[in-house]
Amino acid sequence: MLRLNLSNEPRWLDLGHDVRLLVEPLTTAIMLAARSDPSIVAATADAETSASNDDLARIVAKAVARIVVKDWEGIGDEDGKPLALTPEGIDALLELWPIFEAFQTKYIAGALILDAEKNA
């Protein structure tokens, strides 16, 4: 059974390592907006030079995160001072493997699994 959560309110997503992101629900509109992100367009523009699946997953995760992340907790500089949320900070955060993997698994994968089931 498909369970619909009709709330469009942001929710906290725990990524481990004391890191939490306040994210909007992942919707079709967000995925379509991410697809038109210049980094994704560039990565998929030429079939001969297109990004690998792993690179594309990283690029898509960053594009989606830059759209949906509204706040964060547990992110600081080298001195432990909390950092302000910025697109560059989101990109840097997702370069950390455990954080990227948690974001992929806990946030993006749900939408992709549902899409795969539709096509099965």
PDB file of N, CA and C in Angstrom:
ATOM      1  N   MET A   1       0.845  -1.174   0.000  1.00  0.00           N
ATOM      2  CA  MET A   1       0.000   0.000   0.000  1.00  0.00           C
ATOM      3  C   MET A   1       0.893   1.241   0.000  1.00  0.00           C
ATOM      4  N   LEU A   2       0.564   2.190  -0.807  1.00  0.00           N
ATOM      5  CA  LEU A   2       1.250   3.470  -0.859  1.00  0.00           C
ATOM      6  C   LEU A   2       0.640   4.380   0.194  1.00  0.00           C
ATOM      7  N   ARG A   3       1.489   4.894   1.072  1.00  0.00           N
ATOM      8  CA  ARG A   3       1.006   5.794   2.117  1.00  0.00           C
ATOM      9  C   ARG A   3       1.406   7.218   1.762  1.00  0.00           C
ATOM     10  N   LEU A   4       0.445   8.083   1.642  1.00  0.00           N
ATOM     11  CA  LEU A   4       0.700   9.467   1.288  1.00  0.00           C
ATOM     12  C   LEU A   4       0.776  10.323   2.540  1.00  0.00           C
ATOM     13  N   ASN A   5       1.828  11.091   2.635  1.00  0.00           N
ATOM     14  CA  ASN A   5       1.931  12.099   3.672  1.00  0.00           C
ATOM     15  C   ASN A   5       1.611  13.417   2.994  1.00  0.00           C
ATOM     16  N   LEU A   6       0.463  13.971   3.280  1.00  0.00           N
ATOM     17  CA  LEU A   6       0.000  15.165   2.585  1.00  0.00           C
ATOM     18  C   LEU A   6       0.545  16.453   3.184  1.00  0.00           C
ATOM     19  N   SER A   7       1.344  16.344   4.213  1.00  0.00           N
ATOM     20  CA  SER A   7       1.924  17.529   4.830  1.00  0.00           C
ATOM     21  C   SER A   7       3.039  18.084   3.947  1.00  0.00           C
ATOM     22  N   ASN A   8       3.036  19.386   3.773  1.00  0.00           N
ATOM     23  CA  ASN A   8       4.117  20.015   3.027  1.00  0.00           C
ATOM     24  C   ASN A   8       5.051  20.773   3.963  1.00  0.00           C
ATOM     25  N   GLU A   9       4.938  20.480   5.254  1.00  0.00           N
ATOM     26  CA  GLU A   9       5.783  21.112   6.259  1.00  0.00           C
ATOM     27  C   GLU A   9       7.174  20.501   6.251  1.00  0.00           C
ATOM     28  N   PRO A  10       8.208  21.335   6.375  1.00  0.00           N
ATOM     29  CA  PRO A  10       9.561  20.783   6.505  1.00  0.00           C
ATOM     30  C   PRO A  10       9.676  19.911   7.748  1.00  0.00           C
ATOM     31  N   ARG A  11      10.603  18.951   7.699  1.00  0.00           N
ATOM     32  CA  ARG A  11      10.830  18.069   8.848  1.00  0.00           C
ATOM     33  C   ARG A  11      12.329  17.904   9.031  1.00  0.00           C
ATOM     34  N   TRP A  12      12.714  17.551  10.255  1.00  0.00           N
ATOM     35  CA  TRP A  12      14.120  17.333  10.552  1.00  0.00           C
ATOM     36  C   TRP A  12      14.523  15.941  10.116  1.00  0.00           C
ATOM     37  N   LEU A  13      15.645  15.872   9.437  1.00  0.00           N
ATOM     38  CA  LEU A  13      16.202  14.616   8.955  1.00  0.00           C
ATOM     39  C   LEU A  13      17.530  14.391   9.668  1.00  0.00           C
ATOM     40  N   ASP A  14      17.616  13.319  10.447  1.00  0.00           N
ATOM     41  CA  ASP A  14      18.820  12.999  11.206  1.00  0.00           C
ATOM     42  C   ASP A  14      19.764  12.207  10.316  1.00  0.00           C
ATOM     43  N   LEU A  15      20.971  12.754  10.088  1.00  0.00           N
ATOM     44  CA  LEU A  15      21.948  12.094   9.230  1.00  0.00           C
ATOM     45  C   LEU A  15      23.066  11.425  10.026  1.00  0.00           C
ATOM     46  N   GLY A  16      22.936  11.377  11.335  1.00  0.00           N
ATOM     47  CA  GLY A  16      23.987  10.811  12.163  1.00  0.00           C
ATOM     48  C   GLY A  16      25.084  11.833  12.420  1.00  0.00           C
ATOM     49  N   HIS A  17      26.025  11.481  13.288  1.00  0.00           N
ATOM     50  CA  HIS A  17      27.153  12.359  13.621  1.00  0.00           C
ATOM     51  C   HIS A  17      26.677  13.703  14.173  1.00  0.00           C
ATOM     52  N   ASP A  18      25.504  13.693  14.831  1.00  0.00           N
ATOM     53  CA  ASP A  18      24.891  14.904  15.401  1.00  0.00           C
ATOM     54  C   ASP A  18      24.520  15.942  14.344  1.00  0.00           C
ATOM     55  N   VAL A  19      24.315  15.511  13.115  1.00  0.00           N
ATOM     56  CA  VAL A  19      23.931  16.408  12.019  1.00  0.00           C
ATOM     57  C   VAL A  19      22.463  16.189  11.696  1.00  0.00           C
ATOM     58  N   ARG A  20      21.730  17.301  11.662  1.00  0.00           N
ATOM     59  CA  ARG A  20      20.325  17.264  11.256  1.00  0.00           C
ATOM     60  C   ARG A  20      20.086  18.349  10.217  1.00  0.00           C
ATOM     61  N   LEU A  21      19.235  18.007   9.233  1.00  0.00           N
ATOM     62  CA  LEU A  21      18.842  18.962   8.205  1.00  0.00           C
ATOM     63  C   LEU A  21      17.335  19.163   8.262  1.00  0.00           C
ATOM     64  N   LEU A  22      16.892  20.403   8.176  1.00  0.00           N
ATOM     65  CA  LEU A  22      15.471  20.695   8.054  1.00  0.00           C
ATOM     66  C   LEU A  22      15.166  20.714   6.565  1.00  0.00           C
ATOM     67  N   VAL A  23      14.392  19.727   6.097  1.00  0.00           N
ATOM     68  CA  VAL A  23      14.142  19.554   4.668  1.00  0.00           C
ATOM     69  C   VAL A  23      12.662  19.631   4.339  1.00  0.00           C
ATOM     70  N   GLU A  24      12.392  20.176   3.157  1.00  0.00           N
ATOM     71  CA  GLU A  24      11.044  20.137   2.611  1.00  0.00           C
ATOM     72  C   GLU A  24      10.771  18.729   2.105  1.00  0.00           C
ATOM     73  N   PRO A  25       9.503  18.333   2.021  1.00  0.00           N
ATOM     74  CA  PRO A  25       9.197  17.030   1.414  1.00  0.00           C
ATOM     75  C   PRO A  25       9.684  16.982  -0.032  1.00  0.00           C
ATOM     76  N   LEU A  26      10.167  15.825  -0.443  1.00  0.00           N
ATOM     77  CA  LEU A  26      10.655  15.656  -1.814  1.00  0.00           C
ATOM     78  C   LEU A  26       9.457  15.464  -2.740  1.00  0.00           C
ATOM     79  N   THR A  27       9.259  16.418  -3.624  1.00  0.00           N
ATOM     80  CA  THR A  27       8.101  16.401  -4.519  1.00  0.00           C
ATOM     81  C   THR A  27       8.573  16.338  -5.978  1.00  0.00           C
ATOM     82  N   THR A  28       7.646  16.110  -6.848  1.00  0.00           N
ATOM     83  CA  THR A  28       7.929  16.119  -8.277  1.00  0.00           C
ATOM     84  C   THR A  28       8.480  17.477  -8.698  1.00  0.00           C
ATOM     85  N   ALA A  29       7.906  18.548  -8.194  1.00  0.00           N
ATOM     86  CA  ALA A  29       8.367  19.886  -8.559  1.00  0.00           C
ATOM     87  C   ALA A  29       9.831  20.091  -8.176  1.00  0.00           C
ATOM     88  N   ILE A  30      10.223  19.567  -7.023  1.00  0.00           N
ATOM     89  CA  ILE A  30      11.614  19.700  -6.586  1.00  0.00           C
ATOM     90  C   ILE A  30      12.533  18.885  -7.485  1.00  0.00           C
ATOM     91  N   MET A  31      12.162  17.669  -7.808  1.00  0.00           N
ATOM     92  CA  MET A  31      12.994  16.848  -8.688  1.00  0.00           C
ATOM     93  C   MET A  31      13.121  17.483 -10.073  1.00  0.00           C
ATOM     94  N   LEU A  32      12.049  18.055 -10.582  1.00  0.00           N
ATOM     95  CA  LEU A  32      12.112  18.721 -11.889  1.00  0.00           C
ATOM     96  C   LEU A  32      12.998  19.960 -11.820  1.00  0.00           C
ATOM     97  N   ALA A  33      12.906  20.703 -10.731  1.00  0.00           N
ATOM     98  CA  ALA A  33      13.773  21.877 -10.568  1.00  0.00           C
ATOM     99  C   ALA A  33      15.235  21.450 -10.481  1.00  0.00           C
ATOM    100  N   ALA A  34      15.501  20.373  -9.773  1.00  0.00           N
ATOM    101  CA  ALA A  34      16.878  19.887  -9.658  1.00  0.00           C
ATOM    102  C   ALA A  34      17.417  19.453 -11.017  1.00  0.00           C
ATOM    103  N   ARG A  35      16.582  18.835 -11.825  1.00  0.00           N
ATOM    104  CA  ARG A  35      17.019  18.388 -13.161  1.00  0.00           C
ATOM    105  C   ARG A  35      17.516  19.535 -14.024  1.00  0.00           C
ATOM    106  N   SER A  36      16.984  20.728 -13.799  1.00  0.00           N
ATOM    107  CA  SER A  36      17.416  21.870 -14.600  1.00  0.00           C
ATOM    108  C   SER A  36      18.579  22.626 -13.957  1.00  0.00           C
ATOM    109  N   ASP A  37      19.111  22.107 -12.854  1.00  0.00           N
ATOM    110  CA  ASP A  37      20.295  22.703 -12.236  1.00  0.00           C
ATOM    111  C   ASP A  37      21.446  22.645 -13.238  1.00  0.00           C
ATOM    112  N   PRO A  38      22.196  23.720 -13.391  1.00  0.00           N
ATOM    113  CA  PRO A  38      23.289  23.738 -14.378  1.00  0.00           C
ATOM    114  C   PRO A  38      24.301  22.600 -14.208  1.00  0.00           C
ATOM    115  N   SER A  39      24.550  22.173 -12.978  1.00  0.00           N
ATOM    116  CA  SER A  39      25.519  21.090 -12.772  1.00  0.00           C
ATOM    117  C   SER A  39      25.001  19.764 -13.330  1.00  0.00           C
ATOM    118  N   ILE A  40      23.703  19.533 -13.230  1.00  0.00           N
ATOM    119  CA  ILE A  40      23.120  18.303 -13.785  1.00  0.00           C
ATOM    120  C   ILE A  40      23.061  18.388 -15.305  1.00  0.00           C
ATOM    121  N   VAL A  41      22.662  19.526 -15.818  1.00  0.00           N
ATOM    122  CA  VAL A  41      22.608  19.714 -17.268  1.00  0.00           C
ATOM    123  C   VAL A  41      23.986  19.474 -17.877  1.00  0.00           C
ATOM    124  N   ALA A  42      25.019  20.037 -17.259  1.00  0.00           N
ATOM    125  CA  ALA A  42      26.378  19.863 -17.771  1.00  0.00           C
ATOM    126  C   ALA A  42      26.829  18.413 -17.687  1.00  0.00           C
ATOM    127  N   ALA A  43      26.454  17.726 -16.613  1.00  0.00           N
ATOM    128  CA  ALA A  43      26.887  16.339 -16.416  1.00  0.00           C
ATOM    129  C   ALA A  43      26.218  15.371 -17.382  1.00  0.00           C
ATOM    130  N   THR A  44      25.087  15.753 -17.930  1.00  0.00           N
ATOM    131  CA  THR A  44      24.336  14.845 -18.806  1.00  0.00           C
ATOM    132  C   THR A  44      24.244  15.348 -20.243  1.00  0.00           C
ATOM    133  N   ALA A  45      24.908  16.436 -20.555  1.00  0.00           N
ATOM    134  CA  ALA A  45      24.760  17.072 -21.865  1.00  0.00           C
ATOM    135  C   ALA A  45      25.310  16.244 -23.020  1.00  0.00           C
ATOM    136  N   ASP A  46      26.435  15.604 -22.818  1.00  0.00           N
ATOM    137  CA  ASP A  46      27.099  14.888 -23.896  1.00  0.00           C
ATOM    138  C   ASP A  46      27.239  13.421 -23.503  1.00  0.00           C
ATOM    139  N   ALA A  47      26.651  12.542 -24.278  1.00  0.00           N
ATOM    140  CA  ALA A  47      26.677  11.115 -23.939  1.00  0.00           C
ATOM    141  C   ALA A  47      28.093  10.566 -23.816  1.00  0.00           C
ATOM    142  N   GLU A  48      29.024  11.086 -24.602  1.00  0.00           N
ATOM    143  CA  GLU A  48      30.397  10.573 -24.562  1.00  0.00           C
ATOM    144  C   GLU A  48      31.176  11.045 -23.349  1.00  0.00           C
ATOM    145  N   THR A  49      30.834  12.212 -22.826  1.00  0.00           N
ATOM    146  CA  THR A  49      31.561  12.737 -21.674  1.00  0.00           C
ATOM    147  C   THR A  49      30.686  12.828 -20.435  1.00  0.00           C
ATOM    148  N   SER A  50      29.530  12.172 -20.460  1.00  0.00           N
ATOM    149  CA  SER A  50      28.613  12.286 -19.333  1.00  0.00           C
ATOM    150  C   SER A  50      29.204  11.642 -18.087  1.00  0.00           C
ATOM    151  N   ALA A  51      28.716  12.098 -16.952  1.00  0.00           N
ATOM    152  CA  ALA A  51      29.211  11.639 -15.657  1.00  0.00           C
ATOM    153  C   ALA A  51      28.853  10.180 -15.418  1.00  0.00           C
ATOM    154  N   SER A  52      29.665   9.510 -14.607  1.00  0.00           N
ATOM    155  CA  SER A  52      29.349   8.139 -14.203  1.00  0.00           C
ATOM    156  C   SER A  52      28.109   8.165 -13.314  1.00  0.00           C
ATOM    157  N   ASN A  53      27.514   7.004 -13.091  1.00  0.00           N
ATOM    158  CA  ASN A  53      26.341   6.930 -12.216  1.00  0.00           C
ATOM    159  C   ASN A  53      26.649   7.448 -10.820  1.00  0.00           C
ATOM    160  N   ASP A  54      27.836   7.123 -10.290  1.00  0.00           N
ATOM    161  CA  ASP A  54      28.212   7.589  -8.960  1.00  0.00           C
ATOM    162  C   ASP A  54      28.357   9.106  -8.931  1.00  0.00           C
ATOM    163  N   ASP A  55      29.023   9.663  -9.944  1.00  0.00           N
ATOM    164  CA  ASP A  55      29.167  11.118 -10.004  1.00  0.00           C
ATOM    165  C   ASP A  55      27.813  11.793 -10.154  1.00  0.00           C
ATOM    166  N   LEU A  56      26.965  11.215 -10.983  1.00  0.00           N
ATOM    167  CA  LEU A  56      25.641  11.791 -11.188  1.00  0.00           C
ATOM    168  C   LEU A  56      24.817  11.744  -9.903  1.00  0.00           C
ATOM    169  N   ALA A  57      24.921  10.660  -9.139  1.00  0.00           N
ATOM    170  CA  ALA A  57      24.203  10.569  -7.856  1.00  0.00           C
ATOM    171  C   ALA A  57      24.644  11.689  -6.923  1.00  0.00           C
ATOM    172  N   ARG A  58      25.939  11.949  -6.881  1.00  0.00           N
ATOM    173  CA  ARG A  58      26.475  13.014  -6.028  1.00  0.00           C
ATOM    174  C   ARG A  58      25.986  14.382  -6.502  1.00  0.00           C
ATOM    175  N   ILE A  59      26.010  14.608  -7.806  1.00  0.00           N
ATOM    176  CA  ILE A  59      25.587  15.886  -8.376  1.00  0.00           C
ATOM    177  C   ILE A  59      24.098  16.123  -8.122  1.00  0.00           C
ATOM    178  N   VAL A  60      23.284  15.083  -8.311  1.00  0.00           N
ATOM    179  CA  VAL A  60      21.833  15.203  -8.082  1.00  0.00           C
ATOM    180  C   VAL A  60      21.551  15.452  -6.608  1.00  0.00           C
ATOM    181  N   ALA A  61      22.218  14.728  -5.715  1.00  0.00           N
ATOM    182  CA  ALA A  61      21.994  14.920  -4.280  1.00  0.00           C
ATOM    183  C   ALA A  61      22.283  16.359  -3.875  1.00  0.00           C
ATOM    184  N   LYS A  62      23.367  16.911  -4.385  1.00  0.00           N
ATOM    185  CA  LYS A  62      23.708  18.294  -4.053  1.00  0.00           C
ATOM    186  C   LYS A  62      22.662  19.262  -4.607  1.00  0.00           C
ATOM    187  N   ALA A  63      22.226  19.053  -5.845  1.00  0.00           N
ATOM    188  CA  ALA A  63      21.229  19.939  -6.451  1.00  0.00           C
ATOM    189  C   ALA A  63      19.923  19.898  -5.667  1.00  0.00           C
ATOM    190  N   VAL A  64      19.490  18.703  -5.298  1.00  0.00           N
ATOM    191  CA  VAL A  64      18.257  18.559  -4.511  1.00  0.00           C
ATOM    192  C   VAL A  64      18.439  19.215  -3.148  1.00  0.00           C
ATOM    193  N   ALA A  65      19.541  18.939  -2.485  1.00  0.00           N
ATOM    194  CA  ALA A  65      19.772  19.484  -1.148  1.00  0.00           C
ATOM    195  C   ALA A  65      19.783  21.009  -1.155  1.00  0.00           C
ATOM    196  N   ARG A  66      20.378  21.605  -2.176  1.00  0.00           N
ATOM    197  CA  ARG A  66      20.401  23.073  -2.239  1.00  0.00           C
ATOM    198  C   ARG A  66      18.995  23.652  -2.331  1.00  0.00           C
ATOM    199  N   ILE A  67      18.050  22.882  -2.853  1.00  0.00           N
ATOM    200  CA  ILE A  67      16.658  23.333  -2.956  1.00  0.00           C
ATOM    201  C   ILE A  67      15.899  23.082  -1.649  1.00  0.00           C
ATOM    202  N   VAL A  68      16.062  21.899  -1.058  1.00  0.00           N
ATOM    203  CA  VAL A  68      15.168  21.481   0.027  1.00  0.00           C
ATOM    204  C   VAL A  68      15.658  21.781   1.438  1.00  0.00           C
ATOM    205  N   VAL A  69      16.957  21.960   1.628  1.00  0.00           N
ATOM    206  CA  VAL A  69      17.468  22.173   2.986  1.00  0.00           C
ATOM    207  C   VAL A  69      17.209  23.620   3.387  1.00  0.00           C
ATOM    208  N   LYS A  70      16.480  23.784   4.481  1.00  0.00           N
ATOM    209  CA  LYS A  70      16.099  25.112   4.965  1.00  0.00           C
ATOM    210  C   LYS A  70      16.872  25.528   6.211  1.00  0.00           C
ATOM    211  N   ASP A  71      17.457  24.570   6.903  1.00  0.00           N
ATOM    212  CA  ASP A  71      18.247  24.860   8.092  1.00  0.00           C
ATOM    213  C   ASP A  71      19.074  23.627   8.407  1.00  0.00           C
ATOM    214  N   TRP A  72      20.059  23.791   9.276  1.00  0.00           N
ATOM    215  CA  TRP A  72      20.837  22.645   9.708  1.00  0.00           C
ATOM    216  C   TRP A  72      21.311  22.826  11.127  1.00  0.00           C
ATOM    217  N   GLU A  73      21.625  21.713  11.742  1.00  0.00           N
ATOM    218  CA  GLU A  73      22.174  21.696  13.089  1.00  0.00           C
ATOM    219  C   GLU A  73      23.354  20.744  13.096  1.00  0.00           C
ATOM    220  N   GLY A  74      24.343  21.054  13.950  1.00  0.00           N
ATOM    221  CA  GLY A  74      25.481  20.163  14.098  1.00  0.00           C
ATOM    222  C   GLY A  74      26.580  20.394  13.090  1.00  0.00           C
ATOM    223  N   ILE A  75      26.576  21.546  12.423  1.00  0.00           N
ATOM    224  CA  ILE A  75      27.594  21.870  11.426  1.00  0.00           C
ATOM    225  C   ILE A  75      28.389  23.064  11.938  1.00  0.00           C
ATOM    226  N   GLY A  76      29.698  22.881  12.075  1.00  0.00           N
ATOM    227  CA  GLY A  76      30.541  23.966  12.572  1.00  0.00           C
ATOM    228  C   GLY A  76      31.850  24.055  11.821  1.00  0.00           C
ATOM    229  N   ASP A  77      32.558  25.136  12.061  1.00  0.00           N
ATOM    230  CA  ASP A  77      33.874  25.321  11.447  1.00  0.00           C
ATOM    231  C   ASP A  77      34.928  24.557  12.247  1.00  0.00           C
ATOM    232  N   GLU A  78      36.198  24.767  11.923  1.00  0.00           N
ATOM    233  CA  GLU A  78      37.283  24.035  12.594  1.00  0.00           C
ATOM    234  C   GLU A  78      37.317  24.294  14.093  1.00  0.00           C
ATOM    235  N   ASP A  79      36.811  25.457  14.520  1.00  0.00           N
ATOM    236  CA  ASP A  79      36.809  25.801  15.944  1.00  0.00           C
ATOM    237  C   ASP A  79      35.519  25.387  16.647  1.00  0.00           C
ATOM    238  N   GLY A  80      34.608  24.767  15.918  1.00  0.00           N
ATOM    239  CA  GLY A  80      33.345  24.340  16.505  1.00  0.00           C
ATOM    240  C   GLY A  80      32.279  25.412  16.520  1.00  0.00           C
ATOM    241  N   LYS A  81      32.543  26.549  15.911  1.00  0.00           N
ATOM    242  CA  LYS A  81      31.556  27.629  15.826  1.00  0.00           C
ATOM    243  C   LYS A  81      30.526  27.260  14.764  1.00  0.00           C
ATOM    244  N   PRO A  82      29.219  27.331  15.102  1.00  0.00           N
ATOM    245  CA  PRO A  82      28.192  26.972  14.119  1.00  0.00           C
ATOM    246  C   PRO A  82      28.325  27.780  12.829  1.00  0.00           C
ATOM    247  N   LEU A  83      28.176  27.079  11.715  1.00  0.00           N
ATOM    248  CA  LEU A  83      28.234  27.711  10.400  1.00  0.00           C
ATOM    249  C   LEU A  83      26.834  28.041   9.904  1.00  0.00           C
ATOM    250  N   ALA A  84      26.723  29.163   9.220  1.00  0.00           N
ATOM    251  CA  ALA A  84      25.464  29.526   8.577  1.00  0.00           C
ATOM    252  C   ALA A  84      25.239  28.608   7.378  1.00  0.00           C
ATOM    253  N   LEU A  85      23.987  28.341   7.110  1.00  0.00           N
ATOM    254  CA  LEU A  85      23.615  27.518   5.959  1.00  0.00           C
ATOM    255  C   LEU A  85      23.881  28.296   4.674  1.00  0.00           C
ATOM    256  N   THR A  86      24.656  27.681   3.764  1.00  0.00           N
ATOM    257  CA  THR A  86      24.931  28.262   2.448  1.00  0.00           C
ATOM    258  C   THR A  86      24.921  27.145   1.412  1.00  0.00           C
ATOM    259  N   PRO A  87      24.696  27.469   0.143  1.00  0.00           N
ATOM    260  CA  PRO A  87      24.783  26.435  -0.901  1.00  0.00           C
ATOM    261  C   PRO A  87      26.156  25.764  -0.927  1.00  0.00           C
ATOM    262  N   GLU A  88      27.212  26.555  -0.729  1.00  0.00           N
ATOM    263  CA  GLU A  88      28.562  25.987  -0.724  1.00  0.00           C
ATOM    264  C   GLU A  88      28.754  25.051   0.466  1.00  0.00           C
ATOM    265  N   GLY A  89      28.152  25.405   1.584  1.00  0.00           N
ATOM    266  CA  GLY A  89      28.230  24.552   2.762  1.00  0.00           C
ATOM    267  C   GLY A  89      27.496  23.234   2.551  1.00  0.00           C
ATOM    268  N   ILE A  90      26.355  23.294   1.909  1.00  0.00           N
ATOM    269  CA  ILE A  90      25.600  22.074   1.600  1.00  0.00           C
ATOM    270  C   ILE A  90      26.435  21.169   0.701  1.00  0.00           C
ATOM    271  N   ASP A  91      27.047  21.746  -0.326  1.00  0.00           N
ATOM    272  CA  ASP A  91      27.885  20.952  -1.228  1.00  0.00           C
ATOM    273  C   ASP A  91      29.047  20.316  -0.467  1.00  0.00           C
ATOM    274  N   ALA A  92      29.696  21.087   0.400  1.00  0.00           N
ATOM    275  CA  ALA A  92      30.818  20.555   1.181  1.00  0.00           C
ATOM    276  C   ALA A  92      30.356  19.456   2.132  1.00  0.00           C
ATOM    277  N   LEU A  93      29.198  19.639   2.749  1.00  0.00           N
ATOM    278  CA  LEU A  93      28.663  18.632   3.662  1.00  0.00           C
ATOM    279  C   LEU A  93      28.440  17.315   2.931  1.00  0.00           C
ATOM    280  N   LEU A  94      27.888  17.386   1.722  1.00  0.00           N
ATOM    281  CA  LEU A  94      27.589  16.163   0.977  1.00  0.00           C
ATOM    282  C   LEU A  94      28.823  15.521   0.349  1.00  0.00           C
ATOM    283  N   GLU A  95      29.965  16.145   0.481  1.00  0.00           N
ATOM    284  CA  GLU A  95      31.218  15.502   0.075  1.00  0.00           C
ATOM    285  C   GLU A  95      31.720  14.538   1.149  1.00  0.00           C
ATOM    286  N   LEU A  96      31.130  14.600   2.336  1.00  0.00           N
ATOM    287  CA  LEU A  96      31.492  13.665   3.407  1.00  0.00           C
ATOM    288  C   LEU A  96      30.687  12.383   3.203  1.00  0.00           C
ATOM    289  N   TRP A  97      31.388  11.278   2.960  1.00  0.00           N
ATOM    290  CA  TRP A  97      30.729  10.029   2.583  1.00  0.00           C
ATOM    291  C   TRP A  97      29.600   9.607   3.522  1.00  0.00           C
ATOM    292  N   PRO A  98      29.796   9.558   4.853  1.00  0.00           N
ATOM    293  CA  PRO A  98      28.694   9.092   5.706  1.00  0.00           C
ATOM    294  C   PRO A  98      27.460   9.994   5.629  1.00  0.00           C
ATOM    295  N   ILE A  99      27.674  11.282   5.449  1.00  0.00           N
ATOM    296  CA  ILE A  99      26.547  12.220   5.354  1.00  0.00           C
ATOM    297  C   ILE A  99      25.847  12.049   4.014  1.00  0.00           C
ATOM    298  N   PHE A 100      26.615  11.963   2.944  1.00  0.00           N
ATOM    299  CA  PHE A 100      26.036  11.739   1.610  1.00  0.00           C
ATOM    300  C   PHE A 100      25.206  10.455   1.604  1.00  0.00           C
ATOM    301  N   GLU A 101      25.785   9.381   2.132  1.00  0.00           N
ATOM    302  CA  GLU A 101      25.104   8.081   2.134  1.00  0.00           C
ATOM    303  C   GLU A 101      23.798   8.151   2.930  1.00  0.00           C
ATOM    304  N   ALA A 102      23.831   8.826   4.080  1.00  0.00           N
ATOM    305  CA  ALA A 102      22.618   8.962   4.894  1.00  0.00           C
ATOM    306  C   ALA A 102      21.566   9.795   4.166  1.00  0.00           C
ATOM    307  N   PHE A 103      21.980  10.872   3.515  1.00  0.00           N
ATOM    308  CA  PHE A 103      21.040  11.715   2.772  1.00  0.00           C
ATOM    309  C   PHE A 103      20.422  10.930   1.619  1.00  0.00           C
ATOM    310  N   GLN A 104      21.253  10.186   0.911  1.00  0.00           N
ATOM    311  CA  GLN A 104      20.760   9.360  -0.196  1.00  0.00           C
ATOM    312  C   GLN A 104      19.751   8.333   0.313  1.00  0.00           C
ATOM    313  N   THR A 105      20.106   7.644   1.374  1.00  0.00           N
ATOM    314  CA  THR A 105      19.282   6.553   1.887  1.00  0.00           C
ATOM    315  C   THR A 105      17.997   7.046   2.538  1.00  0.00           C
ATOM    316  N   LYS A 106      18.117   8.058   3.372  1.00  0.00           N
ATOM    317  CA  LYS A 106      16.968   8.509   4.172  1.00  0.00           C
ATOM    318  C   LYS A 106      16.061   9.499   3.466  1.00  0.00           C
ATOM    319  N   TYR A 107      16.584  10.181   2.459  1.00  0.00           N
ATOM    320  CA  TYR A 107      15.767  11.218   1.823  1.00  0.00           C
ATOM    321  C   TYR A 107      15.473  10.923   0.351  1.00  0.00           C
ATOM    322  N   ILE A 108      16.493  10.762  -0.445  1.00  0.00           N
ATOM    323  CA  ILE A 108      16.291  10.619  -1.888  1.00  0.00           C
ATOM    324  C   ILE A 108      15.819   9.218  -2.271  1.00  0.00           C
ATOM    325  N   ALA A 109      16.333   8.191  -1.641  1.00  0.00           N
ATOM    326  CA  ALA A 109      16.026   6.813  -2.041  1.00  0.00           C
ATOM    327  C   ALA A 109      14.542   6.493  -1.994  1.00  0.00           C
ATOM    328  N   GLY A 110      13.828   7.037  -1.039  1.00  0.00           N
ATOM    329  CA  GLY A 110      12.393   6.760  -0.959  1.00  0.00           C
ATOM    330  C   GLY A 110      11.671   7.124  -2.233  1.00  0.00           C
ATOM    331  N   ALA A 111      11.993   8.261  -2.803  1.00  0.00           N
ATOM    332  CA  ALA A 111      11.361   8.688  -4.051  1.00  0.00           C
ATOM    333  C   ALA A 111      11.804   7.814  -5.210  1.00  0.00           C
ATOM    334  N   LEU A 112      13.076   7.444  -5.238  1.00  0.00           N
ATOM    335  CA  LEU A 112      13.575   6.632  -6.339  1.00  0.00           C
ATOM    336  C   LEU A 112      13.042   5.210  -6.283  1.00  0.00           C
ATOM    337  N   ILE A 113      12.899   4.668  -5.078  1.00  0.00           N
ATOM    338  CA  ILE A 113      12.344   3.323  -4.936  1.00  0.00           C
ATOM    339  C   ILE A 113      10.899   3.299  -5.424  1.00  0.00           C
ATOM    340  N   LEU A 114      10.142   4.317  -5.058  1.00  0.00           N
ATOM    341  CA  LEU A 114       8.755   4.398  -5.508  1.00  0.00           C
ATOM    342  C   LEU A 114       8.698   4.486  -7.027  1.00  0.00           C
ATOM    343  N   ASP A 115       9.586   5.272  -7.631  1.00  0.00           N
ATOM    344  CA  ASP A 115       9.617   5.402  -9.092  1.00  0.00           C
ATOM    345  C   ASP A 115       9.995   4.064  -9.725  1.00  0.00           C
ATOM    346  N   ALA A 116      10.948   3.326  -9.154  1.00  0.00           N
ATOM    347  CA  ALA A 116      11.354   2.031  -9.691  1.00  0.00           C
ATOM    348  C   ALA A 116      10.207   1.023  -9.626  1.00  0.00           C
ATOM    349  N   GLU A 117       9.462   1.048  -8.519  1.00  0.00           N
ATOM    350  CA  GLU A 117       8.344   0.133  -8.377  1.00  0.00           C
ATOM    351  C   GLU A 117       7.277   0.424  -9.423  1.00  0.00           C
ATOM    352  N   LYS A 118       7.101   1.693  -9.752  1.00  0.00           N
ATOM    353  CA  LYS A 118       6.119   2.082 -10.765  1.00  0.00           C
ATOM    354  C   LYS A 118       6.503   1.493 -12.119  1.00  0.00           C
ATOM    355  N   ASN A 119       7.800   1.427 -12.393  1.00  0.00           N
ATOM    356  CA  ASN A 119       8.283   0.959 -13.690  1.00  0.00           C
ATOM    357  C   ASN A 119       8.511  -0.550 -13.747  1.00  0.00           C
ATOM    358  N   ALA A 120       8.308  -1.240 -12.647  1.00  0.00           N
ATOM    359  CA  ALA A 120       8.569  -2.688 -12.621  1.00  0.00           C
ATOM    360  C   ALA A 120       7.461  -3.463 -13.288  1.00  0.00           C
TER     361      ALA A 120
END
